[in-house]
Amino acid sequence: LLPAVDAVLAEAGRALNEVTGLVVGVGPGPYTG
């Protein structure tokens, strides 16, 4: 997951501190993942 975040930010040429909001899937899904 974290390498994918780094790759997406690098491809877009943006920094993490520029992000204004997070969106996350809440499931349903298996516990660990």
PDB file of all heavy atoms in Angstrom:
ATOM      1  N   LEU A   1       0.806  -1.222   0.000  1.00  0.00           N
ATOM      2  CA  LEU A   1       0.000   0.000   0.000  1.00  0.00           C
ATOM      3  C   LEU A   1       0.840   1.274   0.000  1.00  0.00           C
ATOM      4  O   LEU A   1       0.644   2.164  -0.846  1.00  0.00           O
ATOM      5  CB  LEU A   1      -0.957   0.006   1.194  1.00  0.00           C
ATOM      6  CG  LEU A   1      -1.875   1.235   1.279  1.00  0.00           C
ATOM      7  CD1 LEU A   1      -2.719   1.384   0.024  1.00  0.00           C
ATOM      8  CD2 LEU A   1      -2.749   1.158   2.522  1.00  0.00           C
ATOM      9  N   LEU A   2       1.772   1.412   0.910  1.00  0.00           N
ATOM     10  CA  LEU A   2       2.536   2.662   0.986  1.00  0.00           C
ATOM     11  C   LEU A   2       3.409   2.901  -0.253  1.00  0.00           C
ATOM     12  O   LEU A   2       3.471   4.043  -0.737  1.00  0.00           O
ATOM     13  CB  LEU A   2       3.381   2.689   2.260  1.00  0.00           C
ATOM     14  CG  LEU A   2       2.571   2.864   3.560  1.00  0.00           C
ATOM     15  CD1 LEU A   2       3.505   2.853   4.764  1.00  0.00           C
ATOM     16  CD2 LEU A   2       1.751   4.136   3.530  1.00  0.00           C
ATOM     17  N   PRO A   3       4.076   1.880  -0.814  1.00  0.00           N
ATOM     18  CA  PRO A   3       4.772   2.119  -2.076  1.00  0.00           C
ATOM     19  C   PRO A   3       3.835   2.579  -3.192  1.00  0.00           C
ATOM     20  O   PRO A   3       4.230   3.388  -4.044  1.00  0.00           O
ATOM     21  CB  PRO A   3       5.395   0.754  -2.395  1.00  0.00           C
ATOM     22  CG  PRO A   3       5.593   0.120  -1.064  1.00  0.00           C
ATOM     23  CD  PRO A   3       4.401   0.547  -0.262  1.00  0.00           C
ATOM     24  N   ALA A   4       2.603   2.083  -3.190  1.00  0.00           N
ATOM     25  CA  ALA A   4       1.635   2.525  -4.198  1.00  0.00           C
ATOM     26  C   ALA A   4       1.274   3.993  -3.993  1.00  0.00           C
ATOM     27  O   ALA A   4       1.136   4.753  -4.958  1.00  0.00           O
ATOM     28  CB  ALA A   4       0.382   1.660  -4.143  1.00  0.00           C
ATOM     29  N   VAL A   5       1.133   4.421  -2.739  1.00  0.00           N
ATOM     30  CA  VAL A   5       0.871   5.835  -2.451  1.00  0.00           C
ATOM     31  C   VAL A   5       2.022   6.696  -2.956  1.00  0.00           C
ATOM     32  O   VAL A   5       1.808   7.728  -3.616  1.00  0.00           O
ATOM     33  CB  VAL A   5       0.651   6.051  -0.933  1.00  0.00           C
ATOM     34  CG1 VAL A   5       0.608   7.543  -0.598  1.00  0.00           C
ATOM     35  CG2 VAL A   5      -0.636   5.373  -0.470  1.00  0.00           C
ATOM     36  N   ASP A   6       3.257   6.280  -2.654  1.00  0.00           N
ATOM     37  CA  ASP A   6       4.429   7.033  -3.114  1.00  0.00           C
ATOM     38  C   ASP A   6       4.460   7.120  -4.642  1.00  0.00           C
ATOM     39  O   ASP A   6       4.765   8.183  -5.208  1.00  0.00           O
ATOM     40  CB  ASP A   6       5.713   6.356  -2.621  1.00  0.00           C
ATOM     41  CG  ASP A   6       5.938   6.539  -1.126  1.00  0.00           C
ATOM     42  OD1 ASP A   6       5.315   7.455  -0.542  1.00  0.00           O
ATOM     43  OD2 ASP A   6       6.721   5.766  -0.552  1.00  0.00           O
ATOM     44  N   ALA A   7       4.146   6.016  -5.316  1.00  0.00           N
ATOM     45  CA  ALA A   7       4.192   5.991  -6.781  1.00  0.00           C
ATOM     46  C   ALA A   7       3.137   6.911  -7.387  1.00  0.00           C
ATOM     47  O   ALA A   7       3.404   7.613  -8.375  1.00  0.00           O
ATOM     48  CB  ALA A   7       3.990   4.560  -7.278  1.00  0.00           C
ATOM     49  N   VAL A   8       1.956   6.927  -6.802  1.00  0.00           N
ATOM     50  CA  VAL A   8       0.874   7.781  -7.309  1.00  0.00           C
ATOM     51  C   VAL A   8       1.228   9.254  -7.143  1.00  0.00           C
ATOM     52  O   VAL A   8       1.043  10.067  -8.066  1.00  0.00           O
ATOM     53  CB  VAL A   8      -0.447   7.435  -6.593  1.00  0.00           C
ATOM     54  CG1 VAL A   8      -1.483   8.542  -6.778  1.00  0.00           C
ATOM     55  CG2 VAL A   8      -1.000   6.118  -7.111  1.00  0.00           C
ATOM     56  N   LEU A   9       1.740   9.622  -5.983  1.00  0.00           N
ATOM     57  CA  LEU A   9       2.127  11.015  -5.750  1.00  0.00           C
ATOM     58  C   LEU A   9       3.264  11.432  -6.694  1.00  0.00           C
ATOM     59  O   LEU A   9       3.242  12.531  -7.253  1.00  0.00           O
ATOM     60  CB  LEU A   9       2.557  11.199  -4.292  1.00  0.00           C
ATOM     61  CG  LEU A   9       1.433  11.103  -3.252  1.00  0.00           C
ATOM     62  CD1 LEU A   9       2.027  11.026  -1.847  1.00  0.00           C
ATOM     63  CD2 LEU A   9       0.492  12.301  -3.350  1.00  0.00           C
ATOM     64  N   ALA A  10       4.228  10.536  -6.876  1.00  0.00           N
ATOM     65  CA  ALA A  10       5.358  10.854  -7.762  1.00  0.00           C
ATOM     66  C   ALA A  10       4.894  11.023  -9.205  1.00  0.00           C
ATOM     67  O   ALA A  10       5.320  11.952  -9.903  1.00  0.00           O
ATOM     68  CB  ALA A  10       6.408   9.752  -7.671  1.00  0.00           C
ATOM     69  N   GLU A  11       4.013  10.144  -9.667  1.00  0.00           N
ATOM     70  CA  GLU A  11       3.520  10.241 -11.041  1.00  0.00           C
ATOM     71  C   GLU A  11       2.760  11.542 -11.271  1.00  0.00           C
ATOM     72  O   GLU A  11       2.870  12.163 -12.333  1.00  0.00           O
ATOM     73  CB  GLU A  11       2.615   9.057 -11.360  1.00  0.00           C
ATOM     74  CG  GLU A  11       2.078   9.069 -12.783  1.00  0.00           C
ATOM     75  CD  GLU A  11       1.190   7.885 -13.079  1.00  0.00           C
ATOM     76  OE1 GLU A  11       1.381   6.820 -12.462  1.00  0.00           O
ATOM     77  OE2 GLU A  11       0.288   8.018 -13.935  1.00  0.00           O
ATOM     78  N   ALA A  12       1.999  11.965 -10.269  1.00  0.00           N
ATOM     79  CA  ALA A  12       1.218  13.193 -10.396  1.00  0.00           C
ATOM     80  C   ALA A  12       2.060  14.445 -10.137  1.00  0.00           C
ATOM     81  O   ALA A  12       1.600  15.564 -10.392  1.00  0.00           O
ATOM     82  CB  ALA A  12       0.038  13.162  -9.432  1.00  0.00           C
ATOM     83  N   GLY A  13       3.263  14.267  -9.606  1.00  0.00           N
ATOM     84  CA  GLY A  13       4.108  15.413  -9.291  1.00  0.00           C
ATOM     85  C   GLY A  13       3.580  16.226  -8.125  1.00  0.00           C
ATOM     86  O   GLY A  13       3.763  17.448  -8.080  1.00  0.00           O
ATOM     87  N   ARG A  14       2.945  15.538  -7.181  1.00  0.00           N
ATOM     88  CA  ARG A  14       2.383  16.226  -6.016  1.00  0.00           C
ATOM     89  C   ARG A  14       2.995  15.644  -4.745  1.00  0.00           C
ATOM     90  O   ARG A  14       3.498  14.516  -4.725  1.00  0.00           O
ATOM     91  CB  ARG A  14       0.860  16.071  -5.976  1.00  0.00           C
ATOM     92  CG  ARG A  14       0.167  16.436  -7.275  1.00  0.00           C
ATOM     93  CD  ARG A  14       0.372  17.890  -7.672  1.00  0.00           C
ATOM     94  NE  ARG A  14      -0.388  18.799  -6.850  1.00  0.00           N
ATOM     95  CZ  ARG A  14      -1.616  19.227  -7.155  1.00  0.00           C
ATOM     96  NH1 ARG A  14      -2.211  18.789  -8.280  1.00  0.00           N
ATOM     97  NH2 ARG A  14      -2.253  20.086  -6.395  1.00  0.00           N
ATOM     98  N   ALA A  15       2.931  16.428  -3.661  1.00  0.00           N
ATOM     99  CA  ALA A  15       3.453  15.991  -2.369  1.00  0.00           C
ATOM    100  C   ALA A  15       2.300  15.612  -1.451  1.00  0.00           C
ATOM    101  O   ALA A  15       1.178  16.106  -1.600  1.00  0.00           O
ATOM    102  CB  ALA A  15       4.285  17.097  -1.731  1.00  0.00           C
ATOM    103  N   LEU A  16       2.598  14.754  -0.484  1.00  0.00           N
ATOM    104  CA  LEU A  16       1.552  14.303   0.434  1.00  0.00           C
ATOM    105  C   LEU A  16       0.925  15.472   1.191  1.00  0.00           C
ATOM    106  O   LEU A  16      -0.283  15.477   1.447  1.00  0.00           O
ATOM    107  CB  LEU A  16       2.139  13.287   1.424  1.00  0.00           C
ATOM    108  CG  LEU A  16       1.142  12.643   2.399  1.00  0.00           C
ATOM    109  CD1 LEU A  16       0.050  11.884   1.644  1.00  0.00           C
ATOM    110  CD2 LEU A  16       1.872  11.697   3.352  1.00  0.00           C
ATOM    111  N   ASN A  17       1.735  16.483   1.525  1.00  0.00           N
ATOM    112  CA  ASN A  17       1.182  17.605   2.289  1.00  0.00           C
ATOM    113  C   ASN A  17       0.287  18.516   1.453  1.00  0.00           C
ATOM    114  O   ASN A  17      -0.291  19.471   1.977  1.00  0.00           O
ATOM    115  CB  ASN A  17       2.295  18.409   2.965  1.00  0.00           C
ATOM    116  CG  ASN A  17       3.282  19.012   1.982  1.00  0.00           C
ATOM    117  OD1 ASN A  17       3.040  19.033   0.770  1.00  0.00           O
ATOM    118  ND2 ASN A  17       4.408  19.495   2.503  1.00  0.00           N
ATOM    119  N   GLU A  18       0.150  18.244   0.145  1.00  0.00           N
ATOM    120  CA  GLU A  18      -0.790  18.991  -0.692  1.00  0.00           C
ATOM    121  C   GLU A  18      -2.187  18.373  -0.676  1.00  0.00           C
ATOM    122  O   GLU A  18      -3.147  19.007  -1.118  1.00  0.00           O
ATOM    123  CB  GLU A  18      -0.285  19.041  -2.135  1.00  0.00           C
ATOM    124  CG  GLU A  18       1.007  19.802  -2.352  1.00  0.00           C
ATOM    125  CD  GLU A  18       1.423  19.764  -3.802  1.00  0.00           C
ATOM    126  OE1 GLU A  18       0.711  20.368  -4.641  1.00  0.00           O
ATOM    127  OE2 GLU A  18       2.449  19.125  -4.115  1.00  0.00           O
ATOM    128  N   VAL A  19      -2.289  17.149  -0.197  1.00  0.00           N
ATOM    129  CA  VAL A  19      -3.577  16.456  -0.180  1.00  0.00           C
ATOM    130  C   VAL A  19      -4.530  17.157   0.781  1.00  0.00           C
ATOM    131  O   VAL A  19      -4.161  17.508   1.911  1.00  0.00           O
ATOM    132  CB  VAL A  19      -3.389  14.979   0.237  1.00  0.00           C
ATOM    133  CG1 VAL A  19      -4.731  14.288   0.423  1.00  0.00           C
ATOM    134  CG2 VAL A  19      -2.551  14.245  -0.797  1.00  0.00           C
ATOM    135  N   THR A  20      -5.769  17.377   0.345  1.00  0.00           N
ATOM    136  CA  THR A  20      -6.761  18.086   1.167  1.00  0.00           C
ATOM    137  C   THR A  20      -7.789  17.160   1.799  1.00  0.00           C
ATOM    138  O   THR A  20      -8.552  17.580   2.658  1.00  0.00           O
ATOM    139  CB  THR A  20      -7.506  19.138   0.321  1.00  0.00           C
ATOM    140  OG1 THR A  20      -8.194  18.479  -0.757  1.00  0.00           O
ATOM    141  CG2 THR A  20      -6.535  20.163  -0.247  1.00  0.00           C
ATOM    142  N   GLY A  21      -7.828  15.911   1.355  1.00  0.00           N
ATOM    143  CA  GLY A  21      -8.783  14.969   1.932  1.00  0.00           C
ATOM    144  C   GLY A  21      -8.428  13.544   1.559  1.00  0.00           C
ATOM    145  O   GLY A  21      -7.838  13.284   0.508  1.00  0.00           O
ATOM    146  N   LEU A  22      -8.765  12.612   2.442  1.00  0.00           N
ATOM    147  CA  LEU A  22      -8.562  11.188   2.222  1.00  0.00           C
ATOM    148  C   LEU A  22      -9.905  10.527   1.955  1.00  0.00           C
ATOM    149  O   LEU A  22     -10.917  10.901   2.550  1.00  0.00           O
ATOM    150  CB  LEU A  22      -7.932  10.524   3.450  1.00  0.00           C
ATOM    151  CG  LEU A  22      -6.411  10.571   3.666  1.00  0.00           C
ATOM    152  CD1 LEU A  22      -5.700   9.817   2.574  1.00  0.00           C
ATOM    153  CD2 LEU A  22      -5.910  11.967   3.832  1.00  0.00           C
ATOM    154  N   VAL A  23      -9.915   9.551   1.070  1.00  0.00           N
ATOM    155  CA  VAL A  23     -11.089   8.727   0.805  1.00  0.00           C
ATOM    156  C   VAL A  23     -10.662   7.280   0.989  1.00  0.00           C
ATOM    157  O   VAL A  23      -9.653   6.850   0.422  1.00  0.00           O
ATOM    158  CB  VAL A  23     -11.627   8.932  -0.624  1.00  0.00           C
ATOM    159  CG1 VAL A  23     -12.874   8.090  -0.851  1.00  0.00           C
ATOM    160  CG2 VAL A  23     -11.900  10.399  -0.890  1.00  0.00           C
ATOM    161  N   VAL A  24     -11.412   6.515   1.782  1.00  0.00           N
ATOM    162  CA  VAL A  24     -11.009   5.146   2.051  1.00  0.00           C
ATOM    163  C   VAL A  24     -12.215   4.223   1.972  1.00  0.00           C
ATOM    164  O   VAL A  24     -13.298   4.541   2.441  1.00  0.00           O
ATOM    165  CB  VAL A  24     -10.323   5.033   3.432  1.00  0.00           C
ATOM    166  CG1 VAL A  24     -11.261   5.435   4.567  1.00  0.00           C
ATOM    167  CG2 VAL A  24      -9.778   3.634   3.660  1.00  0.00           C
ATOM    168  N   GLY A  25     -12.005   3.061   1.340  1.00  0.00           N
ATOM    169  CA  GLY A  25     -13.046   2.049   1.290  1.00  0.00           C
ATOM    170  C   GLY A  25     -13.216   1.395   2.646  1.00  0.00           C
ATOM    171  O   GLY A  25     -12.239   0.948   3.254  1.00  0.00           O
ATOM    172  N   VAL A  26     -14.450   1.339   3.142  1.00  0.00           N
ATOM    173  CA  VAL A  26     -14.718   0.799   4.478  1.00  0.00           C
ATOM    174  C   VAL A  26     -15.198  -0.647   4.433  1.00  0.00           C
ATOM    175  O   VAL A  26     -15.560  -1.226   5.436  1.00  0.00           O
ATOM    176  CB  VAL A  26     -15.746   1.663   5.231  1.00  0.00           C
ATOM    177  CG1 VAL A  26     -15.254   3.089   5.384  1.00  0.00           C
ATOM    178  CG2 VAL A  26     -17.115   1.638   4.539  1.00  0.00           C
ATOM    179  N   GLY A  27     -15.183  -1.252   3.242  1.00  0.00           N
ATOM    180  CA  GLY A  27     -15.637  -2.618   3.124  1.00  0.00           C
ATOM    181  C   GLY A  27     -17.074  -2.684   2.629  1.00  0.00           C
ATOM    182  O   GLY A  27     -17.587  -1.689   2.099  1.00  0.00           O
ATOM    183  N   PRO A  28     -17.688  -3.832   2.787  1.00  0.00           N
ATOM    184  CA  PRO A  28     -17.263  -4.974   3.604  1.00  0.00           C
ATOM    185  C   PRO A  28     -16.065  -5.700   3.024  1.00  0.00           C
ATOM    186  O   PRO A  28     -15.845  -5.698   1.822  1.00  0.00           O
ATOM    187  CB  PRO A  28     -18.509  -5.870   3.598  1.00  0.00           C
ATOM    188  CG  PRO A  28     -19.208  -5.534   2.323  1.00  0.00           C
ATOM    189  CD  PRO A  28     -18.980  -4.068   2.112  1.00  0.00           C
ATOM    190  N   GLY A  29     -15.310  -6.318   3.953  1.00  0.00           N
ATOM    191  CA  GLY A  29     -14.128  -7.038   3.528  1.00  0.00           C
ATOM    192  C   GLY A  29     -13.543  -7.822   4.682  1.00  0.00           C
ATOM    193  O   GLY A  29     -13.949  -7.652   5.833  1.00  0.00           O
ATOM    194  N   PRO A  30     -12.571  -8.699   4.403  1.00  0.00           N
ATOM    195  CA  PRO A  30     -11.907  -9.472   5.452  1.00  0.00           C
ATOM    196  C   PRO A  30     -11.173  -8.561   6.437  1.00  0.00           C
ATOM    197  O   PRO A  30     -10.680  -7.491   6.061  1.00  0.00           O
ATOM    198  CB  PRO A  30     -10.921 -10.351   4.668  1.00  0.00           C
ATOM    199  CG  PRO A  30     -11.484 -10.408   3.284  1.00  0.00           C
ATOM    200  CD  PRO A  30     -12.117  -9.074   3.063  1.00  0.00           C
ATOM    201  N   TYR A  31     -11.060  -9.016   7.656  1.00  0.00           N
ATOM    202  CA  TYR A  31     -10.557  -8.204   8.756  1.00  0.00           C
ATOM    203  C   TYR A  31      -9.192  -7.588   8.477  1.00  0.00           C
ATOM    204  O   TYR A  31      -9.023  -6.370   8.537  1.00  0.00           O
ATOM    205  CB  TYR A  31     -10.485  -9.064  10.021  1.00  0.00           C
ATOM    206  CG  TYR A  31     -10.003  -8.343  11.251  1.00  0.00           C
ATOM    207  CD1 TYR A  31     -10.888  -7.681  12.089  1.00  0.00           C
ATOM    208  CD2 TYR A  31      -8.647  -8.323  11.589  1.00  0.00           C
ATOM    209  CE1 TYR A  31     -10.445  -7.029  13.231  1.00  0.00           C
ATOM    210  CE2 TYR A  31      -8.194  -7.669  12.719  1.00  0.00           C
ATOM    211  CZ  TYR A  31      -9.092  -7.030  13.535  1.00  0.00           C
ATOM    212  OH  TYR A  31      -8.655  -6.376  14.641  1.00  0.00           O
ATOM    213  N   THR A  32      -8.200  -8.411   8.167  1.00  0.00           N
ATOM    214  CA  THR A  32      -6.828  -7.906   8.088  1.00  0.00           C
ATOM    215  C   THR A  32      -6.631  -6.941   6.928  1.00  0.00           C
ATOM    216  O   THR A  32      -6.141  -5.830   7.103  1.00  0.00           O
ATOM    217  CB  THR A  32      -5.839  -9.078   7.970  1.00  0.00           C
ATOM    218  OG1 THR A  32      -6.014  -9.954   9.089  1.00  0.00           O
ATOM    219  CG2 THR A  32      -4.410  -8.568   7.951  1.00  0.00           C
ATOM    220  N   GLY A  33      -7.006  -7.360   5.737  1.00  0.00           N
ATOM    221  CA  GLY A  33      -6.813  -6.487   4.580  1.00  0.00           C
ATOM    222  C   GLY A  33      -7.553  -5.178   4.719  1.00  0.00           C
ATOM    223  O   GLY A  33      -7.014  -4.105   4.409  1.00  0.00           O
TER     224      GLY A  33
END
